[in-house]
Amino acid sequence: MNWKIERVEGAGLDLDEVLEVYRTSGLGERRPIEDTDRFREMLRNANLVLVARDSATGKLIGIARSISDFSYVTYLSDIAVDGTYQRSGIGRALIDATQKETPGVKIVLLSAPAAADYYPHIGFTRHGSAWVLNP
């Protein structure tokens, strides 16, 4: 299976195509995918968006959405891979591409419960003092 990863402007993405990736990845259960205005703003305001597309079809199959200062820290707020393409290295490739776009910068993410055991496997370290203040 071949795919291509590229950096894009989030505002330029087809919202329906992105929402389909979130739905099939399972991440849609924890993101406001039914609030399309909010989701559109989430894409527009992220300053580092990387996508993976199937090289043969051009289909969107993965996305990494981040907020970064490009100096100290990048918050990798979403990483989603279409369910039919999971376990093929796309998620790892999106993380690697995020690192290449932000060399020498710390990457921070909050893991989905089902993925908590995956991130240590690829070099992430658990951080015990993260806090969330919900609106």
N, C-alpha and C. Protein backbone atom coordinates (compact mmCIF):
# COMPACT_ATOMS: atom_id res chain seq x y z
N MET A 1 0.85 -1.17 0.00
CA MET A 1 0.00 0.00 0.00
C MET A 1 0.89 1.24 0.00
N ASN A 2 0.60 2.17 -0.88
CA ASN A 2 1.38 3.39 -0.97
C ASN A 2 0.53 4.59 -0.60
N TRP A 3 1.15 5.52 0.10
CA TRP A 3 0.47 6.76 0.44
C TRP A 3 1.46 7.90 0.34
N LYS A 4 0.93 9.08 0.31
CA LYS A 4 1.73 10.30 0.21
C LYS A 4 1.31 11.21 1.35
N ILE A 5 2.29 11.79 2.05
CA ILE A 5 2.00 12.72 3.13
C ILE A 5 2.42 14.11 2.68
N GLU A 6 1.55 15.08 2.96
CA GLU A 6 1.87 16.47 2.61
C GLU A 6 1.31 17.42 3.66
N ARG A 7 1.96 18.58 3.75
CA ARG A 7 1.46 19.64 4.63
C ARG A 7 0.45 20.45 3.84
N VAL A 8 -0.66 20.77 4.48
CA VAL A 8 -1.74 21.51 3.82
C VAL A 8 -2.28 22.58 4.77
N GLU A 9 -3.06 23.49 4.21
CA GLU A 9 -3.82 24.44 5.01
C GLU A 9 -5.12 23.75 5.40
N GLY A 10 -5.39 23.70 6.68
CA GLY A 10 -6.60 23.02 7.15
C GLY A 10 -7.87 23.59 6.55
N ALA A 11 -7.90 24.92 6.34
CA ALA A 11 -9.09 25.55 5.78
C ALA A 11 -9.37 25.09 4.36
N GLY A 12 -8.36 24.59 3.67
CA GLY A 12 -8.53 24.16 2.29
C GLY A 12 -9.00 22.73 2.12
N LEU A 13 -9.12 22.00 3.22
CA LEU A 13 -9.55 20.60 3.14
C LEU A 13 -11.05 20.49 2.95
N ASP A 14 -11.47 19.43 2.29
CA ASP A 14 -12.88 19.11 2.14
C ASP A 14 -13.38 18.58 3.49
N LEU A 15 -14.28 19.33 4.13
CA LEU A 15 -14.74 18.99 5.47
C LEU A 15 -15.36 17.60 5.53
N ASP A 16 -16.17 17.24 4.56
CA ASP A 16 -16.81 15.91 4.56
C ASP A 16 -15.77 14.80 4.50
N GLU A 17 -14.73 15.01 3.71
CA GLU A 17 -13.66 14.01 3.58
C GLU A 17 -12.92 13.85 4.92
N VAL A 18 -12.65 14.96 5.59
CA VAL A 18 -11.97 14.91 6.88
C VAL A 18 -12.86 14.23 7.93
N LEU A 19 -14.13 14.60 7.97
CA LEU A 19 -15.05 14.01 8.93
C LEU A 19 -15.16 12.50 8.75
N GLU A 20 -15.10 12.04 7.52
CA GLU A 20 -15.16 10.60 7.26
C GLU A 20 -13.95 9.89 7.87
N VAL A 21 -12.79 10.49 7.78
CA VAL A 21 -11.60 9.90 8.41
C VAL A 21 -11.78 9.84 9.92
N TYR A 22 -12.29 10.91 10.51
CA TYR A 22 -12.52 10.92 11.96
C TYR A 22 -13.53 9.84 12.35
N ARG A 23 -14.59 9.70 11.57
CA ARG A 23 -15.60 8.67 11.88
C ARG A 23 -15.01 7.27 11.82
N THR A 24 -14.32 6.96 10.73
CA THR A 24 -13.82 5.60 10.55
C THR A 24 -12.63 5.29 11.43
N SER A 25 -11.94 6.32 11.91
CA SER A 25 -10.77 6.09 12.77
C SER A 25 -11.16 5.77 14.20
N GLY A 26 -12.36 6.19 14.59
CA GLY A 26 -12.78 6.06 15.98
C GLY A 26 -12.58 7.35 16.77
N LEU A 27 -11.78 8.28 16.26
CA LEU A 27 -11.53 9.54 16.96
C LEU A 27 -12.77 10.42 16.99
N GLY A 28 -13.68 10.21 16.06
CA GLY A 28 -14.90 10.99 16.02
C GLY A 28 -15.76 10.84 17.27
N GLU A 29 -15.54 9.76 18.02
CA GLU A 29 -16.28 9.56 19.27
C GLU A 29 -15.88 10.59 20.32
N ARG A 30 -14.70 11.18 20.18
CA ARG A 30 -14.18 12.13 21.16
C ARG A 30 -13.96 13.53 20.58
N ARG A 31 -14.49 13.79 19.41
CA ARG A 31 -14.38 15.11 18.78
C ARG A 31 -15.78 15.56 18.35
N PRO A 32 -15.98 16.87 18.25
CA PRO A 32 -17.33 17.39 17.91
C PRO A 32 -17.64 17.31 16.42
N ILE A 33 -17.68 16.09 15.89
CA ILE A 33 -17.87 15.95 14.44
C ILE A 33 -19.27 16.34 13.98
N GLU A 34 -20.23 16.36 14.88
CA GLU A 34 -21.58 16.77 14.49
C GLU A 34 -21.73 18.30 14.44
N ASP A 35 -20.83 19.00 15.08
CA ASP A 35 -20.82 20.47 15.08
C ASP A 35 -19.87 20.93 13.98
N THR A 36 -20.38 20.95 12.75
CA THR A 36 -19.51 21.20 11.61
C THR A 36 -18.88 22.60 11.62
N ASP A 37 -19.58 23.59 12.16
CA ASP A 37 -18.98 24.92 12.25
C ASP A 37 -17.76 24.91 13.16
N ARG A 38 -17.88 24.27 14.30
CA ARG A 38 -16.75 24.17 15.23
C ARG A 38 -15.62 23.37 14.59
N PHE A 39 -15.96 22.27 13.94
CA PHE A 39 -14.93 21.42 13.35
C PHE A 39 -14.20 22.16 12.24
N ARG A 40 -14.93 22.92 11.44
CA ARG A 40 -14.31 23.71 10.38
C ARG A 40 -13.29 24.69 11.00
N GLU A 41 -13.65 25.30 12.12
CA GLU A 41 -12.74 26.22 12.81
C GLU A 41 -11.53 25.48 13.38
N MET A 42 -11.73 24.27 13.86
CA MET A 42 -10.62 23.47 14.35
C MET A 42 -9.59 23.26 13.25
N LEU A 43 -10.06 22.97 12.05
CA LEU A 43 -9.14 22.78 10.92
C LEU A 43 -8.50 24.09 10.51
N ARG A 44 -9.29 25.14 10.45
CA ARG A 44 -8.79 26.44 9.99
C ARG A 44 -7.72 27.01 10.93
N ASN A 45 -7.90 26.81 12.22
CA ASN A 45 -7.00 27.44 13.19
C ASN A 45 -5.77 26.60 13.55
N ALA A 46 -5.74 25.36 13.16
CA ALA A 46 -4.53 24.57 13.39
C ALA A 46 -3.44 25.11 12.48
N ASN A 47 -2.25 25.31 13.01
CA ASN A 47 -1.20 25.90 12.18
C ASN A 47 -0.22 24.88 11.61
N LEU A 48 -0.47 23.60 11.86
CA LEU A 48 0.31 22.54 11.23
C LEU A 48 -0.62 21.37 10.96
N VAL A 49 -0.99 21.19 9.71
CA VAL A 49 -1.89 20.11 9.32
C VAL A 49 -1.18 19.27 8.26
N LEU A 50 -1.08 17.99 8.54
CA LEU A 50 -0.48 17.04 7.61
C LEU A 50 -1.53 16.00 7.26
N VAL A 51 -1.58 15.64 5.99
CA VAL A 51 -2.54 14.62 5.57
C VAL A 51 -1.82 13.51 4.83
N ALA A 52 -2.41 12.32 4.91
CA ALA A 52 -1.96 11.17 4.14
C ALA A 52 -3.05 10.85 3.14
N ARG A 53 -2.64 10.66 1.90
CA ARG A 53 -3.58 10.29 0.84
C ARG A 53 -3.09 9.02 0.16
N ASP A 54 -4.05 8.17 -0.19
CA ASP A 54 -3.75 6.97 -0.97
C ASP A 54 -3.19 7.41 -2.30
N SER A 55 -2.00 6.95 -2.64
CA SER A 55 -1.34 7.39 -3.88
C SER A 55 -2.11 7.01 -5.13
N ALA A 56 -2.81 5.88 -5.08
CA ALA A 56 -3.52 5.41 -6.26
C ALA A 56 -4.83 6.15 -6.49
N THR A 57 -5.53 6.48 -5.40
CA THR A 57 -6.87 7.05 -5.55
C THR A 57 -6.97 8.52 -5.15
N GLY A 58 -6.00 9.01 -4.38
CA GLY A 58 -6.08 10.38 -3.88
C GLY A 58 -6.96 10.52 -2.66
N LYS A 59 -7.53 9.41 -2.19
CA LYS A 59 -8.43 9.43 -1.03
C LYS A 59 -7.68 9.85 0.22
N LEU A 60 -8.30 10.73 1.02
CA LEU A 60 -7.75 11.11 2.31
C LEU A 60 -7.85 9.91 3.24
N ILE A 61 -6.71 9.49 3.81
CA ILE A 61 -6.70 8.31 4.67
C ILE A 61 -6.13 8.59 6.05
N GLY A 62 -5.59 9.79 6.26
CA GLY A 62 -5.05 10.12 7.57
C GLY A 62 -4.83 11.61 7.71
N ILE A 63 -4.82 12.08 8.96
CA ILE A 63 -4.60 13.49 9.23
C ILE A 63 -3.93 13.64 10.60
N ALA A 64 -2.99 14.57 10.66
CA ALA A 64 -2.39 14.98 11.93
C ALA A 64 -2.61 16.48 12.02
N ARG A 65 -3.32 16.90 13.07
CA ARG A 65 -3.68 18.31 13.25
C ARG A 65 -2.99 18.81 14.51
N SER A 66 -2.14 19.85 14.35
CA SER A 66 -1.33 20.34 15.47
C SER A 66 -1.38 21.85 15.61
N ILE A 67 -1.02 22.28 16.80
CA ILE A 67 -0.76 23.68 17.10
C ILE A 67 0.69 23.73 17.55
N SER A 68 1.50 24.58 16.90
CA SER A 68 2.92 24.61 17.23
C SER A 68 3.45 26.03 17.28
N ASP A 69 4.45 26.25 18.15
CA ASP A 69 5.19 27.51 18.11
C ASP A 69 6.46 27.36 17.28
N PHE A 70 6.72 26.14 16.79
CA PHE A 70 7.86 25.81 15.93
C PHE A 70 9.20 26.13 16.58
N SER A 71 9.20 26.23 17.90
CA SER A 71 10.42 26.56 18.61
C SER A 71 10.62 25.66 19.82
N TYR A 72 9.56 25.46 20.60
CA TYR A 72 9.67 24.69 21.83
C TYR A 72 8.73 23.49 21.87
N VAL A 73 7.45 23.71 21.52
CA VAL A 73 6.49 22.63 21.68
C VAL A 73 5.46 22.60 20.54
N THR A 74 5.07 21.41 20.18
CA THR A 74 3.96 21.17 19.26
C THR A 74 2.94 20.31 19.98
N TYR A 75 1.70 20.79 20.01
CA TYR A 75 0.62 20.00 20.58
C TYR A 75 -0.06 19.27 19.44
N LEU A 76 0.17 17.99 19.37
CA LEU A 76 -0.45 17.14 18.35
C LEU A 76 -1.85 16.82 18.84
N SER A 77 -2.80 17.66 18.45
CA SER A 77 -4.14 17.57 19.02
C SER A 77 -4.97 16.44 18.42
N ASP A 78 -4.73 16.07 17.18
CA ASP A 78 -5.46 14.97 16.56
C ASP A 78 -4.54 14.20 15.63
N ILE A 79 -4.62 12.90 15.72
CA ILE A 79 -4.03 12.03 14.71
C ILE A 79 -5.07 10.95 14.43
N ALA A 80 -5.55 10.93 13.19
CA ALA A 80 -6.62 10.01 12.82
C ALA A 80 -6.26 9.30 11.52
N VAL A 81 -6.46 8.01 11.50
CA VAL A 81 -6.22 7.20 10.30
C VAL A 81 -7.48 6.40 10.01
N ASP A 82 -7.94 6.48 8.78
CA ASP A 82 -9.11 5.72 8.32
C ASP A 82 -8.98 4.27 8.81
N GLY A 83 -10.05 3.75 9.38
CA GLY A 83 -10.03 2.42 9.97
C GLY A 83 -9.54 1.32 9.05
N THR A 84 -9.83 1.40 7.76
CA THR A 84 -9.40 0.35 6.83
C THR A 84 -7.91 0.43 6.53
N TYR A 85 -7.26 1.53 6.90
CA TYR A 85 -5.83 1.71 6.63
C TYR A 85 -4.99 1.64 7.90
N GLN A 86 -5.64 1.42 9.05
CA GLN A 86 -4.89 1.37 10.31
C GLN A 86 -3.97 0.17 10.34
N ARG A 87 -2.92 0.29 11.14
CA ARG A 87 -1.90 -0.75 11.32
C ARG A 87 -1.06 -0.95 10.06
N SER A 88 -0.95 0.10 9.25
CA SER A 88 -0.10 0.00 8.06
C SER A 88 1.04 1.02 8.09
N GLY A 89 1.22 1.70 9.23
CA GLY A 89 2.33 2.63 9.37
C GLY A 89 2.00 4.08 9.09
N ILE A 90 0.75 4.37 8.74
CA ILE A 90 0.38 5.74 8.39
C ILE A 90 0.44 6.66 9.61
N GLY A 91 -0.07 6.21 10.75
CA GLY A 91 -0.03 7.03 11.96
C GLY A 91 1.40 7.39 12.33
N ARG A 92 2.26 6.40 12.31
CA ARG A 92 3.68 6.63 12.62
C ARG A 92 4.30 7.58 11.60
N ALA A 93 3.95 7.42 10.32
CA ALA A 93 4.48 8.30 9.28
C ALA A 93 4.00 9.74 9.48
N LEU A 94 2.77 9.92 9.93
CA LEU A 94 2.26 11.27 10.21
C LEU A 94 2.99 11.89 11.39
N ILE A 95 3.30 11.11 12.41
CA ILE A 95 4.07 11.61 13.55
C ILE A 95 5.49 11.97 13.10
N ASP A 96 6.11 11.11 12.30
CA ASP A 96 7.45 11.40 11.77
C ASP A 96 7.45 12.69 10.95
N ALA A 97 6.41 12.86 10.12
CA ALA A 97 6.31 14.07 9.30
C ALA A 97 6.12 15.31 10.18
N THR A 98 5.37 15.16 11.27
CA THR A 98 5.20 16.27 12.21
C THR A 98 6.55 16.64 12.81
N GLN A 99 7.36 15.65 13.16
CA GLN A 99 8.69 15.93 13.69
C GLN A 99 9.58 16.63 12.66
N LYS A 100 9.48 16.23 11.41
CA LYS A 100 10.29 16.86 10.36
C LYS A 100 9.89 18.31 10.14
N GLU A 101 8.61 18.60 10.31
CA GLU A 101 8.14 19.98 10.15
C GLU A 101 8.52 20.86 11.34
N THR A 102 8.83 20.23 12.47
CA THR A 102 9.16 20.97 13.70
C THR A 102 10.44 20.39 14.32
N PRO A 103 11.56 20.48 13.62
CA PRO A 103 12.78 19.82 14.11
C PRO A 103 13.23 20.36 15.47
N GLY A 104 13.58 19.43 16.35
CA GLY A 104 14.08 19.79 17.66
C GLY A 104 13.02 20.26 18.63
N VAL A 105 11.76 20.12 18.28
CA VAL A 105 10.66 20.61 19.09
C VAL A 105 9.97 19.44 19.79
N LYS A 106 9.61 19.63 21.05
CA LYS A 106 8.90 18.62 21.82
C LYS A 106 7.49 18.45 21.27
N ILE A 107 7.04 17.20 21.16
CA ILE A 107 5.67 16.92 20.74
C ILE A 107 4.89 16.41 21.95
N VAL A 108 3.74 17.01 22.19
CA VAL A 108 2.87 16.64 23.30
C VAL A 108 1.53 16.21 22.72
N LEU A 109 0.97 15.14 23.26
CA LEU A 109 -0.37 14.72 22.84
C LEU A 109 -1.10 14.09 24.00
N LEU A 110 -2.41 14.13 23.93
CA LEU A 110 -3.27 13.40 24.85
C LEU A 110 -3.77 12.18 24.10
N SER A 111 -3.50 11.02 24.61
CA SER A 111 -3.84 9.79 23.92
C SER A 111 -5.30 9.39 24.12
N ALA A 112 -5.88 8.85 23.08
CA ALA A 112 -7.16 8.17 23.23
C ALA A 112 -6.91 6.95 24.10
N PRO A 113 -7.86 6.60 24.96
CA PRO A 113 -7.63 5.45 25.85
C PRO A 113 -7.18 4.18 25.12
N ALA A 114 -7.74 3.91 23.98
CA ALA A 114 -7.40 2.68 23.24
C ALA A 114 -5.98 2.71 22.68
N ALA A 115 -5.38 3.90 22.56
CA ALA A 115 -4.05 4.02 21.99
C ALA A 115 -2.96 4.26 23.03
N ALA A 116 -3.32 4.27 24.29
CA ALA A 116 -2.38 4.62 25.35
C ALA A 116 -1.14 3.74 25.37
N ASP A 117 -1.28 2.48 25.03
CA ASP A 117 -0.13 1.58 25.04
C ASP A 117 0.72 1.68 23.77
N TYR A 118 0.20 2.33 22.74
CA TYR A 118 0.93 2.45 21.48
C TYR A 118 2.06 3.47 21.57
N TYR A 119 1.80 4.63 22.16
CA TYR A 119 2.76 5.72 22.11
C TYR A 119 4.09 5.42 22.79
N PRO A 120 4.15 4.75 23.93
CA PRO A 120 5.45 4.39 24.48
C PRO A 120 6.26 3.50 23.52
N HIS A 121 5.56 2.68 22.77
CA HIS A 121 6.19 1.78 21.80
C HIS A 121 6.97 2.55 20.73
N ILE A 122 6.55 3.78 20.42
CA ILE A 122 7.23 4.55 19.37
C ILE A 122 8.05 5.71 19.94
N GLY A 123 8.34 5.66 21.24
CA GLY A 123 9.27 6.62 21.81
C GLY A 123 8.70 7.72 22.69
N PHE A 124 7.38 7.79 22.83
CA PHE A 124 6.79 8.79 23.70
C PHE A 124 6.97 8.38 25.16
N THR A 125 7.06 9.37 26.03
CA THR A 125 7.17 9.15 27.47
C THR A 125 5.90 9.63 28.14
N ARG A 126 5.38 8.83 29.04
CA ARG A 126 4.17 9.22 29.78
C ARG A 126 4.49 10.41 30.67
N HIS A 127 3.56 11.35 30.73
CA HIS A 127 3.72 12.55 31.56
C HIS A 127 2.59 12.57 32.57
N GLY A 128 2.92 12.60 33.84
CA GLY A 128 1.92 12.42 34.87
C GLY A 128 1.24 13.69 35.37
N SER A 129 1.56 14.85 34.80
CA SER A 129 0.96 16.06 35.36
C SER A 129 0.21 16.89 34.33
N ALA A 130 -0.45 16.24 33.41
CA ALA A 130 -1.29 16.95 32.46
C ALA A 130 -2.64 17.21 33.11
N TRP A 131 -3.22 18.35 32.83
CA TRP A 131 -4.50 18.73 33.40
C TRP A 131 -5.39 19.27 32.30
N VAL A 132 -6.68 19.05 32.43
CA VAL A 132 -7.65 19.50 31.44
C VAL A 132 -8.70 20.32 32.16
N LEU A 133 -9.03 21.48 31.60
CA LEU A 133 -10.11 22.32 32.12
C LEU A 133 -11.15 22.42 31.03
N ASN A 134 -12.25 21.70 31.16
CA ASN A 134 -13.30 21.69 30.14
C ASN A 134 -14.16 22.95 30.25
N PRO A 135 -14.72 23.39 29.12
CA PRO A 135 -15.55 24.61 29.16
C PRO A 135 -16.85 24.39 29.91
